[in-house]
PDB file of N, CA and C in Angstrom:
ATOM      1  N   MET A   1     131.658  92.677  79.997  1.00  0.00           N
ATOM      2  CA  MET A   1     131.211  93.976  79.590  1.00  0.00           C
ATOM      3  C   MET A   1     130.212  95.178  80.366  1.00  0.00           C
ATOM      4  N   GLU A   2     131.312  96.015  80.743  1.00  0.00           N
ATOM      5  CA  GLU A   2     130.807  96.788  82.235  1.00  0.00           C
ATOM      6  C   GLU A   2     129.443  97.603  81.757  1.00  0.00           C
ATOM      7  N   GLU A   3     128.509  97.535  82.386  1.00  0.00           N
ATOM      8  CA  GLU A   3     127.381  98.548  82.404  1.00  0.00           C
ATOM      9  C   GLU A   3     127.521  99.525  82.799  1.00  0.00           C
ATOM     10  N   ARG A   4     127.479 100.701  81.548  1.00  0.00           N
ATOM     11  CA  ARG A   4     127.608 102.621  82.037  1.00  0.00           C
ATOM     12  C   ARG A   4     126.489 102.965  81.938  1.00  0.00           C
ATOM     13  N   CYS A   5     126.153 104.092  82.971  1.00  0.00           N
ATOM     14  CA  CYS A   5     124.930 104.331  82.880  1.00  0.00           C
ATOM     15  C   CYS A   5     125.544 105.871  83.109  1.00  0.00           C
ATOM     16  N   PRO A   6     124.634 106.436  82.082  1.00  0.00           N
ATOM     17  CA  PRO A   6     125.003 107.942  82.040  1.00  0.00           C
ATOM     18  C   PRO A   6     124.233 108.969  83.159  1.00  0.00           C
ATOM     19  N   GLY A   7     125.377 109.932  83.032  1.00  0.00           N
ATOM     20  CA  GLY A   7     125.494 110.347  84.416  1.00  0.00           C
ATOM     21  C   GLY A   7     124.511 111.515  84.950  1.00  0.00           C
ATOM     22  N   PRO A   8     124.740 112.112  86.176  1.00  0.00           N
ATOM     23  CA  PRO A   8     123.831 113.517  86.679  1.00  0.00           C
ATOM     24  C   PRO A   8     123.026 114.432  85.315  1.00  0.00           C
ATOM     25  N   TRP A   9     121.600 114.723  86.131  1.00  0.00           N
ATOM     26  CA  TRP A   9     120.872 115.077  84.990  1.00  0.00           C
ATOM     27  C   TRP A   9     121.630 116.590  84.767  1.00  0.00           C
ATOM     28  N   ASN A  10     121.474 117.527  84.430  1.00  0.00           N
ATOM     29  CA  ASN A  10     121.955 119.398  85.485  1.00  0.00           C
ATOM     30  C   ASN A  10     121.093 119.814  86.111  1.00  0.00           C
ATOM     31  N   VAL A  11     119.736 119.166  85.985  1.00  0.00           N
ATOM     32  CA  VAL A  11     118.546 119.717  86.370  1.00  0.00           C
ATOM     33  C   VAL A  11     117.790 118.659  87.475  1.00  0.00           C
ATOM     34  N   CYS A  12     117.602 118.242  89.081  1.00  0.00           N
ATOM     35  CA  CYS A  12     116.912 118.093  88.877  1.00  0.00           C
ATOM     36  C   CYS A  12     115.367 117.707  88.743  1.00  0.00           C
ATOM     37  N   VAL A  13     115.218 116.339  89.113  1.00  0.00           N
ATOM     38  CA  VAL A  13     113.244 116.298  88.972  1.00  0.00           C
ATOM     39  C   VAL A  13     113.054 116.549  90.507  1.00  0.00           C
ATOM     40  N   LEU A  14     111.696 117.792  90.723  1.00  0.00           N
ATOM     41  CA  LEU A  14     111.251 117.469  91.852  1.00  0.00           C
ATOM     42  C   LEU A  14     109.776 116.850  92.007  1.00  0.00           C
ATOM     43  N   MET A  15     109.936 115.704  93.225  1.00  0.00           N
ATOM     44  CA  MET A  15     108.434 115.456  93.159  1.00  0.00           C
ATOM     45  C   MET A  15     108.183 114.927  94.648  1.00  0.00           C
ATOM     46  N   ARG A  16     106.952 115.008  94.934  1.00  0.00           N
ATOM     47  CA  ARG A  16     106.254 114.541  95.882  1.00  0.00           C
ATOM     48  C   ARG A  16     106.599 112.904  96.015  1.00  0.00           C
ATOM     49  N   THR A  17     106.798 112.510  97.144  1.00  0.00           N
ATOM     50  CA  THR A  17     107.010 110.957  97.477  1.00  0.00           C
ATOM     51  C   THR A  17     105.850 110.327  97.963  1.00  0.00           C
ATOM     52  N   GLY A  18     104.495 111.582  97.978  1.00  0.00           N
ATOM     53  CA  GLY A  18     103.577 110.651  98.377  1.00  0.00           C
ATOM     54  C   GLY A  18     102.919 110.538 100.103  1.00  0.00           C
ATOM     55  N   ARG A  19     104.598 110.374 100.571  1.00  0.00           N
ATOM     56  CA  ARG A  19     104.359 110.396 102.342  1.00  0.00           C
ATOM     57  C   ARG A  19     104.547 111.921 103.042  1.00  0.00           C
ATOM     58  N   ASP A  20     103.454 111.856 103.637  1.00  0.00           N
ATOM     59  CA  ASP A  20     103.587 113.335 104.146  1.00  0.00           C
ATOM     60  C   ASP A  20     104.153 114.834 103.448  1.00  0.00           C
ATOM     61  N   GLY A  21     103.566 114.707 101.780  1.00  0.00           N
ATOM     62  CA  GLY A  21     104.171 115.645 101.308  1.00  0.00           C
ATOM     63  C   GLY A  21     105.037 116.061 100.989  1.00  0.00           C
ATOM     64  N   ALA A  22     106.579 115.044 101.501  1.00  0.00           N
ATOM     65  CA  ALA A  22     107.389 115.377 101.028  1.00  0.00           C
ATOM     66  C   ALA A  22     108.013 115.582  99.636  1.00  0.00           C
ATOM     67  N   VAL A  23     108.993 115.913  99.723  1.00  0.00           N
ATOM     68  CA  VAL A  23     109.816 116.614  98.284  1.00  0.00           C
ATOM     69  C   VAL A  23     110.832 115.723  98.092  1.00  0.00           C
ATOM     70  N   GLU A  24     111.314 114.789  96.920  1.00  0.00           N
ATOM     71  CA  GLU A  24     112.422 114.484  96.512  1.00  0.00           C
ATOM     72  C   GLU A  24     113.018 114.438  95.570  1.00  0.00           C
ATOM     73  N   PHE A  25     114.252 114.576  95.420  1.00  0.00           N
ATOM     74  CA  PHE A  25     114.870 115.168  94.200  1.00  0.00           C
ATOM     75  C   PHE A  25     115.248 114.007  93.464  1.00  0.00           C
ATOM     76  N   VAL A  26     115.681 113.674  92.329  1.00  0.00           N
ATOM     77  CA  VAL A  26     115.420 112.489  91.442  1.00  0.00           C
ATOM     78  C   VAL A  26     116.749 112.979  89.934  1.00  0.00           C
ATOM     79  N   GLY A  27     118.433 112.616  90.230  1.00  0.00           N
ATOM     80  CA  GLY A  27     119.065 113.161  89.543  1.00  0.00           C
ATOM     81  C   GLY A  27     119.555 112.722  88.266  1.00  0.00           C
ATOM     82  N   THR A  28     119.428 111.130  87.839  1.00  0.00           N
ATOM     83  CA  THR A  28     120.085 110.194  86.798  1.00  0.00           C
ATOM     84  C   THR A  28     118.268 109.743  86.392  1.00  0.00           C
ATOM     85  N   ALA A  29     118.462 109.239  85.231  1.00  0.00           N
ATOM     86  CA  ALA A  29     117.884 108.260  84.672  1.00  0.00           C
ATOM     87  C   ALA A  29     118.009 106.806  84.686  1.00  0.00           C
ATOM     88  N   LYS A  30     118.963 106.428  85.844  1.00  0.00           N
ATOM     89  CA  LYS A  30     118.673 105.294  86.451  1.00  0.00           C
ATOM     90  C   LYS A  30     117.685 104.984  87.955  1.00  0.00           C
ATOM     91  N   GLU A  31     118.016 106.368  88.460  1.00  0.00           N
ATOM     92  CA  GLU A  31     116.957 106.766  89.815  1.00  0.00           C
ATOM     93  C   GLU A  31     115.584 106.907  89.074  1.00  0.00           C
ATOM     94  N   ALA A  32     115.218 107.865  87.814  1.00  0.00           N
ATOM     95  CA  ALA A  32     114.095 107.756  87.950  1.00  0.00           C
ATOM     96  C   ALA A  32     113.406 106.246  87.281  1.00  0.00           C
ATOM     97  N   LEU A  33     114.313 105.438  86.848  1.00  0.00           N
ATOM     98  CA  LEU A  33     113.559 104.008  86.017  1.00  0.00           C
ATOM     99  C   LEU A  33     113.516 103.154  87.536  1.00  0.00           C
ATOM    100  N   ALA A  34     114.041 102.935  89.115  1.00  0.00           N
ATOM    101  CA  ALA A  34     113.366 103.143  89.966  1.00  0.00           C
ATOM    102  C   ALA A  34     112.924 103.167  90.188  1.00  0.00           C
ATOM    103  N   LYS A  35     112.215 104.229  90.291  1.00  0.00           N
ATOM    104  CA  LYS A  35     110.944 105.615  90.881  1.00  0.00           C
ATOM    105  C   LYS A  35     109.562 104.714  90.343  1.00  0.00           C
ATOM    106  N   LEU A  36     110.083 104.589  88.561  1.00  0.00           N
ATOM    107  CA  LEU A  36     109.052 104.506  88.398  1.00  0.00           C
ATOM    108  C   LEU A  36     108.475 103.000  88.303  1.00  0.00           C
ATOM    109  N   ARG A  37     109.185 101.436  88.516  1.00  0.00           N
ATOM    110  CA  ARG A  37     109.519 100.816  88.240  1.00  0.00           C
ATOM    111  C   ARG A  37     108.386  99.990  89.462  1.00  0.00           C
ATOM    112  N   LYS A  38     108.655 101.142  91.038  1.00  0.00           N
ATOM    113  CA  LYS A  38     108.280 100.831  92.356  1.00  0.00           C
ATOM    114  C   LYS A  38     107.097 101.631  92.814  1.00  0.00           C
ATOM    115  N   ASP A  39     105.703 100.845  93.062  1.00  0.00           N
ATOM    116  CA  ASP A  39     104.588 102.193  93.323  1.00  0.00           C
ATOM    117  C   ASP A  39     104.097 102.994  92.401  1.00  0.00           C
ATOM    118  N   TRP A  40     104.148 103.377  91.487  1.00  0.00           N
ATOM    119  CA  TRP A  40     103.629 104.512  90.441  1.00  0.00           C
ATOM    120  C   TRP A  40     102.691 104.450  90.474  1.00  0.00           C
ATOM    121  N   PRO A  41     101.730 105.760  91.185  1.00  0.00           N
ATOM    122  CA  PRO A  41     101.048 106.154  91.125  1.00  0.00           C
ATOM    123  C   PRO A  41      99.684 105.681  89.844  1.00  0.00           C
ATOM    124  N   ILE A  42      99.981 106.223  88.743  1.00  0.00           N
ATOM    125  CA  ILE A  42      99.309 106.342  87.679  1.00  0.00           C
ATOM    126  C   ILE A  42     100.231 105.996  86.354  1.00  0.00           C
ATOM    127  N   ARG A  43      99.652 104.662  86.122  1.00  0.00           N
ATOM    128  CA  ARG A  43     100.596 103.641  84.211  1.00  0.00           C
ATOM    129  C   ARG A  43     100.471 104.383  83.392  1.00  0.00           C
ATOM    130  N   GLY A  44      99.992 105.713  83.053  1.00  0.00           N
ATOM    131  CA  GLY A  44      99.246 106.130  81.636  1.00  0.00           C
ATOM    132  C   GLY A  44      99.925 105.875  80.686  1.00  0.00           C
ATOM    133  N   PRO A  45     100.214 106.987  79.643  1.00  0.00           N
ATOM    134  CA  PRO A  45     100.719 107.267  78.639  1.00  0.00           C
ATOM    135  C   PRO A  45     102.300 107.852  79.042  1.00  0.00           C
ATOM    136  N   GLY A  46     102.394 108.699  79.620  1.00  0.00           N
ATOM    137  CA  GLY A  46     103.302 109.593  80.687  1.00  0.00           C
ATOM    138  C   GLY A  46     104.358 108.156  81.103  1.00  0.00           C
ATOM    139  N   PHE A  47     103.459 107.580  81.698  1.00  0.00           N
ATOM    140  CA  PHE A  47     104.450 106.806  82.604  1.00  0.00           C
ATOM    141  C   PHE A  47     105.101 105.454  81.412  1.00  0.00           C
ATOM    142  N   ALA A  48     104.415 105.140  80.583  1.00  0.00           N
ATOM    143  CA  ALA A  48     105.229 104.211  79.513  1.00  0.00           C
ATOM    144  C   ALA A  48     106.486 104.803  78.654  1.00  0.00           C
ATOM    145  N   ARG A  49     105.734 105.941  78.713  1.00  0.00           N
ATOM    146  CA  ARG A  49     107.253 106.840  77.542  1.00  0.00           C
ATOM    147  C   ARG A  49     108.367 107.184  78.424  1.00  0.00           C
ATOM    148  N   ALA A  50     107.983 107.220  79.865  1.00  0.00           N
ATOM    149  CA  ALA A  50     109.414 107.601  81.013  1.00  0.00           C
ATOM    150  C   ALA A  50     110.339 105.865  81.034  1.00  0.00           C
ATOM    151  N   ILE A  51     109.485 105.033  81.023  1.00  0.00           N
ATOM    152  CA  ILE A  51     109.664 103.889  81.022  1.00  0.00           C
ATOM    153  C   ILE A  51     110.951 103.738  80.152  1.00  0.00           C
ATOM    154  N   GLU A  52     110.358 103.993  79.036  1.00  0.00           N
ATOM    155  CA  GLU A  52     110.934 103.040  77.896  1.00  0.00           C
ATOM    156  C   GLU A  52     111.933 104.165  77.653  1.00  0.00           C
ATOM    157  N   THR A  53     111.958 105.589  77.737  1.00  0.00           N
ATOM    158  CA  THR A  53     113.081 106.602  77.494  1.00  0.00           C
ATOM    159  C   THR A  53     114.314 106.376  78.672  1.00  0.00           C
ATOM    160  N   CYS A  54     113.626 106.019  79.912  1.00  0.00           N
ATOM    161  CA  CYS A  54     114.883 105.788  80.923  1.00  0.00           C
ATOM    162  C   CYS A  54     115.841 104.423  81.139  1.00  0.00           C
ATOM    163  N   GLN A  55     114.835 104.092  80.144  1.00  0.00           N
ATOM    164  CA  GLN A  55     115.812 102.338  79.892  1.00  0.00           C
ATOM    165  C   GLN A  55     116.520 102.680  78.640  1.00  0.00           C
ATOM    166  N   ASP A  56     116.722 103.282  77.654  1.00  0.00           N
ATOM    167  CA  ASP A  56     116.984 103.842  76.674  1.00  0.00           C
ATOM    168  C   ASP A  56     118.457 104.256  77.198  1.00  0.00           C
ATOM    169  N   ALA A  57     117.788 105.643  77.873  1.00  0.00           N
ATOM    170  CA  ALA A  57     119.012 106.286  78.320  1.00  0.00           C
ATOM    171  C   ALA A  57     120.737 105.226  79.130  1.00  0.00           C
ATOM    172  N   VAL A  58     119.730 104.746  79.819  1.00  0.00           N
ATOM    173  CA  VAL A  58     120.294 103.850  80.974  1.00  0.00           C
ATOM    174  C   VAL A  58     121.205 102.717  79.669  1.00  0.00           C
ATOM    175  N   ARG A  59     121.184 102.641  78.919  1.00  0.00           N
ATOM    176  CA  ARG A  59     121.631 101.326  77.969  1.00  0.00           C
ATOM    177  C   ARG A  59     122.182 102.237  77.118  1.00  0.00           C
ATOM    178  N   ASN A  60     122.786 103.555  77.369  1.00  0.00           N
ATOM    179  CA  ASN A  60     123.196 104.834  76.520  1.00  0.00           C
ATOM    180  C   ASN A  60     122.654 104.737  75.049  1.00  0.00           C
ATOM    181  N   TRP A  61     121.043 104.956  74.539  1.00  0.00           N
ATOM    182  CA  TRP A  61     120.724 104.485  73.353  1.00  0.00           C
ATOM    183  C   TRP A  61     120.276 105.734  72.769  1.00  0.00           C
ATOM    184  N   SER A  62     120.354 106.826  73.967  1.00  0.00           N
ATOM    185  CA  SER A  62     119.524 107.877  73.886  1.00  0.00           C
ATOM    186  C   SER A  62     120.280 108.668  74.925  1.00  0.00           C
ATOM    187  N   PRO A  63     119.866 109.998  74.598  1.00  0.00           N
ATOM    188  CA  PRO A  63     120.632 111.380  75.233  1.00  0.00           C
ATOM    189  C   PRO A  63     119.842 111.039  76.887  1.00  0.00           C
ATOM    190  N   SER A  64     120.511 111.125  77.892  1.00  0.00           N
ATOM    191  CA  SER A  64     119.573 111.435  79.125  1.00  0.00           C
ATOM    192  C   SER A  64     118.688 112.522  79.236  1.00  0.00           C
ATOM    193  N   TYR A  65     119.249 113.753  78.683  1.00  0.00           N
ATOM    194  CA  TYR A  65     117.977 114.647  79.133  1.00  0.00           C
ATOM    195  C   TYR A  65     116.750 114.271  78.085  1.00  0.00           C
ATOM    196  N   LEU A  66     116.461 113.517  77.651  1.00  0.00           N
ATOM    197  CA  LEU A  66     115.150 113.016  77.009  1.00  0.00           C
ATOM    198  C   LEU A  66     114.800 112.079  77.960  1.00  0.00           C
ATOM    199  N   ALA A  67     115.844 111.298  78.764  1.00  0.00           N
ATOM    200  CA  ALA A  67     114.401 110.555  79.748  1.00  0.00           C
ATOM    201  C   ALA A  67     114.094 111.923  81.282  1.00  0.00           C
ATOM    202  N   ARG A  68     115.120 112.389  80.753  1.00  0.00           N
ATOM    203  CA  ARG A  68     114.597 114.049  82.513  1.00  0.00           C
ATOM    204  C   ARG A  68     113.406 114.376  81.705  1.00  0.00           C
ATOM    205  N   ILE A  69     113.450 115.168  80.738  1.00  0.00           N
ATOM    206  CA  ILE A  69     111.733 115.581  79.964  1.00  0.00           C
ATOM    207  C   ILE A  69     110.940 113.947  80.149  1.00  0.00           C
ATOM    208  N   ALA A  70     111.459 113.364  80.036  1.00  0.00           N
ATOM    209  CA  ALA A  70     110.185 112.166  79.475  1.00  0.00           C
ATOM    210  C   ALA A  70     109.377 111.582  81.100  1.00  0.00           C
ATOM    211  N   PHE A  71     110.377 111.859  82.371  1.00  0.00           N
ATOM    212  CA  PHE A  71     110.040 111.333  83.611  1.00  0.00           C
ATOM    213  C   PHE A  71     109.510 112.973  83.777  1.00  0.00           C
ATOM    214  N   GLU A  72     109.614 113.935  83.800  1.00  0.00           N
ATOM    215  CA  GLU A  72     109.022 115.154  84.124  1.00  0.00           C
ATOM    216  C   GLU A  72     107.520 115.038  84.128  1.00  0.00           C
ATOM    217  N   GLU A  73     107.247 114.558  82.700  1.00  0.00           N
ATOM    218  CA  GLU A  73     106.270 114.420  82.261  1.00  0.00           C
ATOM    219  C   GLU A  73     104.956 112.909  82.773  1.00  0.00           C
ATOM    220  N   ALA A  74     105.513 112.144  83.407  1.00  0.00           N
ATOM    221  CA  ALA A  74     105.573 111.220  84.290  1.00  0.00           C
ATOM    222  C   ALA A  74     104.723 111.541  85.289  1.00  0.00           C
ATOM    223  N   VAL A  75     106.007 112.303  86.115  1.00  0.00           N
ATOM    224  CA  VAL A  75     105.643 113.248  87.343  1.00  0.00           C
ATOM    225  C   VAL A  75     104.226 113.815  87.343  1.00  0.00           C
ATOM    226  N   ARG A  76     104.300 114.615  86.668  1.00  0.00           N
ATOM    227  CA  ARG A  76     103.173 115.819  86.183  1.00  0.00           C
ATOM    228  C   ARG A  76     102.123 114.531  85.670  1.00  0.00           C
ATOM    229  N   GLU A  77     101.564 113.546  85.209  1.00  0.00           N
ATOM    230  CA  GLU A  77     100.503 112.784  85.040  1.00  0.00           C
ATOM    231  C   GLU A  77     100.168 112.052  85.941  1.00  0.00           C
ATOM    232  N   ALA A  78     101.273 112.013  87.011  1.00  0.00           N
ATOM    233  CA  ALA A  78     100.995 111.099  88.749  1.00  0.00           C
ATOM    234  C   ALA A  78     100.859 112.463  89.486  1.00  0.00           C
ATOM    235  N   GLY A  79     100.195 113.412  88.887  1.00  0.00           N
ATOM    236  CA  GLY A  79     100.091 114.179  90.454  1.00  0.00           C
ATOM    237  C   GLY A  79     101.307 114.707  91.024  1.00  0.00           C
ATOM    238  N   LEU A  80     102.390 114.000  90.734  1.00  0.00           N
ATOM    239  CA  LEU A  80     103.551 114.508  92.474  1.00  0.00           C
ATOM    240  C   LEU A  80     104.249 115.531  91.762  1.00  0.00           C
ATOM    241  N   ALA A  81     104.045 116.573  90.945  1.00  0.00           N
ATOM    242  CA  ALA A  81     104.869 117.743  90.160  1.00  0.00           C
ATOM    243  C   ALA A  81     104.798 118.191  92.152  1.00  0.00           C
ATOM    244  N   VAL A  82     105.875 119.406  92.080  1.00  0.00           N
ATOM    245  CA  VAL A  82     106.311 119.806  93.360  1.00  0.00           C
ATOM    246  C   VAL A  82     105.319 121.202  92.519  1.00  0.00           C
TER     247      VAL A  82
END
């Protein structure tokens, strides 16, 4: 069975990468999930919600826009908001 990931978000999430204040665009639940799983600075409640919501979106269990909202919350919680 082929896994189908949801398409890109209508609006990308901007976040600081922590490297020289560079800004990065995250445009899909799959990209957001990869960012969350790799060296995320603060693993609080927003992080946990974003992981769960992005996984659900990638599995097509929930709408992708919910993953974007949860990821934005995790970005703010981690102090990476632009």
